[in-house]
Amino acid sequence: MISTSDFKTGMTIEYEGNIYQILEFQHVKPGKGQAYVRTKLRNLRTGANIDYTFSAGEKMEQAMIEKRKMQYLYSTGEAYSFMDMDTFEQIDIPAERLEYEKAFMLEGMEVTIVVFQGEILGVNLPEKVVLEVTECAPGVKGNTAANATKDAILETGHRILVPLFVEQGDKIIVSTIDGKYHSRA
């Protein structure tokens, strides 16, 4: 059991039958009344972010999350297959659980699978990935406006905005946190 005074950013807790990761927290001691802890939590099962306020000193279970390095093998359309690099054990994750992540995954890529008591919660991608631009409109000559961008389609099928100098066939670095162009590879 842990108390709200033990909270740290990134910690995982089990509360009301759900598993949450603490994104932000703030201890508040008003001039009148009882102290409380204001938090921003991410539900690890659904991916939803919520704001929640705990009473100061409230106790809950700490969720012991296991993280396993695995390699993405292939997709069948309904599921994505991953292999543990140490034991060569293979697991399948349903496609609907990886709606956002699939835009950045390439076959052979190493990812981290998040597991809680045998239940697969999701996939953590590297912070930045290198992807090839497969389709891109040519840059318009004379368009020198600051931060001018154009649409590009990556090898995973993901559509992204890129600067005008990026061409078809270029390899670019994409941030998996916000899904935006970062730089050329």
Protein backbone atom coordinates (compact mmCIF):
# COMPACT_ATOMS: atom_id res chain seq x y z
CA MET A 1 0.00 0.00 0.00
CA ILE A 2 1.17 3.51 -0.79
CA SER A 3 -0.13 6.88 0.30
CA THR A 4 -0.70 10.04 -1.74
CA SER A 5 2.45 11.44 -0.07
CA ASP A 6 4.46 8.72 -1.90
CA PHE A 7 3.31 9.83 -5.38
CA LYS A 8 5.98 10.29 -8.07
CA THR A 9 5.58 11.13 -11.74
CA GLY A 10 5.53 7.91 -13.77
CA MET A 11 4.41 5.73 -10.84
CA THR A 12 1.60 3.25 -11.53
CA ILE A 13 -1.27 2.73 -9.10
CA GLU A 14 -4.26 0.41 -8.89
CA TYR A 15 -7.38 2.40 -8.01
CA GLU A 16 -11.06 1.46 -8.27
CA GLY A 17 -10.27 -1.61 -10.37
CA ASN A 18 -8.20 0.29 -12.95
CA ILE A 19 -4.48 0.73 -13.49
CA TYR A 20 -3.27 4.31 -13.79
CA GLN A 21 0.05 5.97 -14.46
CA ILE A 22 0.62 9.29 -12.68
CA LEU A 23 1.42 11.96 -15.27
CA GLU A 24 1.32 14.97 -12.92
CA PHE A 25 0.48 15.56 -9.27
CA GLN A 26 0.28 18.53 -6.95
CA HIS A 27 -0.18 18.64 -3.18
CA VAL A 28 -2.60 21.43 -2.23
CA LYS A 29 -3.00 22.76 1.31
CA PRO A 30 -5.79 25.36 1.31
CA GLY A 31 -5.98 27.89 4.12
CA LYS A 32 -9.23 26.37 5.27
CA GLY A 33 -10.20 22.72 5.07
CA GLN A 34 -8.36 19.49 4.46
CA ALA A 35 -5.30 19.10 2.22
CA TYR A 36 -5.70 17.18 -1.05
CA VAL A 37 -3.67 15.93 -3.99
CA ARG A 38 -4.67 16.98 -7.53
CA THR A 39 -3.47 14.50 -10.17
CA LYS A 40 -3.53 13.86 -13.90
CA LEU A 41 -3.72 10.11 -14.54
CA ARG A 42 -3.54 7.90 -17.66
CA ASN A 43 -5.65 4.76 -17.65
CA LEU A 44 -3.23 2.11 -18.96
CA ARG A 45 -6.06 -0.14 -20.21
CA THR A 46 -7.93 2.48 -22.27
CA GLY A 47 -5.26 5.17 -22.76
CA ALA A 48 -7.65 7.89 -21.53
CA ASN A 49 -6.28 10.78 -19.46
CA ILE A 50 -8.32 11.93 -16.46
CA ASP A 51 -7.99 14.53 -13.72
CA TYR A 52 -8.62 13.16 -10.25
CA THR A 53 -8.42 14.62 -6.75
CA PHE A 54 -7.41 12.43 -3.80
CA SER A 55 -7.70 13.31 -0.12
CA ALA A 56 -4.29 13.79 1.49
CA GLY A 57 -3.09 10.53 3.03
CA GLU A 58 -5.48 8.32 1.00
CA LYS A 59 -4.05 4.83 0.51
CA MET A 60 -4.07 2.60 -2.57
CA GLU A 61 -2.16 -0.32 -4.10
CA GLN A 62 0.90 0.30 -6.22
CA ALA A 63 0.59 -1.57 -9.53
CA MET A 64 3.68 -3.61 -10.37
CA ILE A 65 4.10 -3.19 -14.12
CA GLU A 66 6.44 -5.48 -16.03
CA LYS A 67 8.12 -4.17 -19.17
CA ARG A 68 9.46 -6.65 -21.71
CA LYS A 69 11.62 -5.85 -24.74
CA MET A 70 10.11 -7.47 -27.81
CA GLN A 71 10.49 -7.33 -31.56
CA TYR A 72 7.55 -6.53 -33.84
CA LEU A 73 7.26 -9.36 -36.37
CA TYR A 74 4.20 -8.87 -38.58
CA SER A 75 0.53 -7.92 -38.78
CA THR A 76 -2.34 -10.15 -39.88
CA GLY A 77 -4.74 -7.19 -40.04
CA GLU A 78 -6.61 -8.37 -36.93
CA ALA A 79 -3.57 -8.74 -34.65
CA TYR A 80 0.07 -7.72 -34.36
CA SER A 81 2.67 -10.38 -33.52
CA PHE A 82 5.64 -9.73 -31.25
CA MET A 83 8.54 -11.97 -30.18
CA ASP A 84 10.44 -11.90 -26.87
CA MET A 85 14.12 -11.47 -27.78
CA ASP A 86 15.33 -13.72 -24.91
CA THR A 87 12.84 -16.61 -24.82
CA PHE A 88 11.61 -16.41 -28.47
CA GLU A 89 8.03 -16.62 -27.12
CA GLN A 90 5.52 -14.99 -29.47
CA ILE A 91 2.41 -13.03 -28.47
CA ASP A 92 -0.39 -11.44 -30.48
CA ILE A 93 -2.02 -8.11 -29.58
CA PRO A 94 -5.41 -7.23 -31.17
CA ALA A 95 -5.18 -4.43 -33.76
CA GLU A 96 -7.81 -2.28 -31.99
CA ARG A 97 -5.45 -1.99 -28.96
CA LEU A 98 -2.72 -0.45 -31.14
CA GLU A 99 -4.64 2.16 -33.16
CA TYR A 100 -2.08 4.95 -32.55
CA GLU A 101 1.10 2.84 -32.33
CA LYS A 102 0.62 1.07 -35.68
CA ALA A 103 1.38 4.34 -37.52
CA PHE A 104 5.00 4.14 -36.34
CA MET A 105 5.78 0.39 -36.24
CA LEU A 106 7.93 -1.34 -38.85
CA GLU A 107 8.66 -5.05 -39.02
CA GLY A 108 11.78 -5.88 -37.01
CA MET A 109 11.45 -2.83 -34.72
CA GLU A 110 12.21 -3.30 -31.01
CA VAL A 111 9.42 -2.11 -28.69
CA THR A 112 8.56 -2.45 -25.01
CA ILE A 113 5.44 -4.44 -24.11
CA VAL A 114 3.75 -3.33 -20.86
CA VAL A 115 2.30 -6.23 -18.82
CA PHE A 116 0.32 -6.23 -15.55
CA GLN A 117 -0.31 -9.63 -13.91
CA GLY A 118 -0.23 -11.42 -17.27
CA GLU A 119 -2.53 -8.85 -18.95
CA ILE A 120 -0.96 -7.00 -21.88
CA LEU A 121 -1.69 -3.30 -21.43
CA GLY A 122 0.02 -1.92 -24.50
CA VAL A 123 3.16 -1.10 -26.41
CA ASN A 124 5.71 1.62 -25.64
CA LEU A 125 7.46 2.83 -28.78
CA PRO A 126 10.88 4.48 -28.96
CA GLU A 127 10.59 8.27 -28.56
CA LYS A 128 11.63 8.84 -32.20
CA VAL A 129 11.54 6.54 -35.22
CA VAL A 130 13.05 6.78 -38.71
CA LEU A 131 10.49 6.31 -41.51
CA GLU A 132 10.64 6.73 -45.28
CA VAL A 133 8.40 9.14 -47.17
CA THR A 134 6.57 7.09 -49.84
CA GLU A 135 4.30 9.78 -51.26
CA CYS A 136 4.75 13.52 -51.21
CA ALA A 137 3.61 16.49 -53.28
CA PRO A 138 6.45 18.57 -54.78
CA GLY A 139 7.31 21.81 -53.00
CA VAL A 140 5.84 24.95 -54.52
CA LYS A 141 8.57 27.26 -55.83
CA GLY A 142 8.47 30.71 -54.28
CA ASN A 143 6.53 29.59 -51.19
CA THR A 144 8.92 30.91 -48.57
CA ALA A 145 6.47 31.58 -45.78
CA ALA A 146 7.82 30.65 -42.37
CA ASN A 147 7.09 27.03 -41.42
CA ALA A 148 5.43 26.20 -44.75
CA THR A 149 4.43 22.53 -44.80
CA LYS A 150 2.91 19.93 -47.10
CA ASP A 151 1.30 16.50 -46.69
CA ALA A 152 3.41 13.35 -46.91
CA ILE A 153 2.54 9.67 -46.53
CA LEU A 154 5.02 7.46 -44.70
CA GLU A 155 5.86 3.81 -45.38
CA THR A 156 3.46 2.77 -42.59
CA GLY A 157 0.58 4.61 -44.31
CA HIS A 158 0.56 7.42 -41.74
CA ARG A 159 -0.12 10.95 -43.09
CA ILE A 160 2.08 13.71 -41.67
CA LEU A 161 2.93 17.36 -42.32
CA VAL A 162 6.54 17.92 -43.42
CA PRO A 163 8.60 20.96 -44.52
CA LEU A 164 8.66 21.82 -48.23
CA PHE A 165 12.23 20.51 -48.76
CA VAL A 166 11.28 16.90 -47.90
CA GLU A 167 10.90 14.75 -51.02
CA GLN A 168 9.60 11.27 -51.82
CA GLY A 169 12.16 8.63 -50.78
CA ASP A 170 13.67 10.76 -47.97
CA LYS A 171 14.06 9.20 -44.55
CA ILE A 172 12.75 11.41 -41.75
CA ILE A 173 12.69 11.24 -37.95
CA VAL A 174 9.16 11.29 -36.51
CA SER A 175 8.30 11.84 -32.84
CA THR A 176 6.03 9.04 -31.57
CA ILE A 177 4.87 11.22 -28.67
CA ASP A 178 2.94 13.73 -30.80
CA GLY A 179 3.22 12.10 -34.25
CA LYS A 180 4.96 15.10 -35.83
CA TYR A 181 7.96 15.58 -38.10
CA HIS A 182 11.17 16.10 -36.12
CA SER A 183 14.03 16.23 -38.64
CA ARG A 184 15.72 14.52 -41.57
CA ALA A 185 17.43 11.21 -40.83
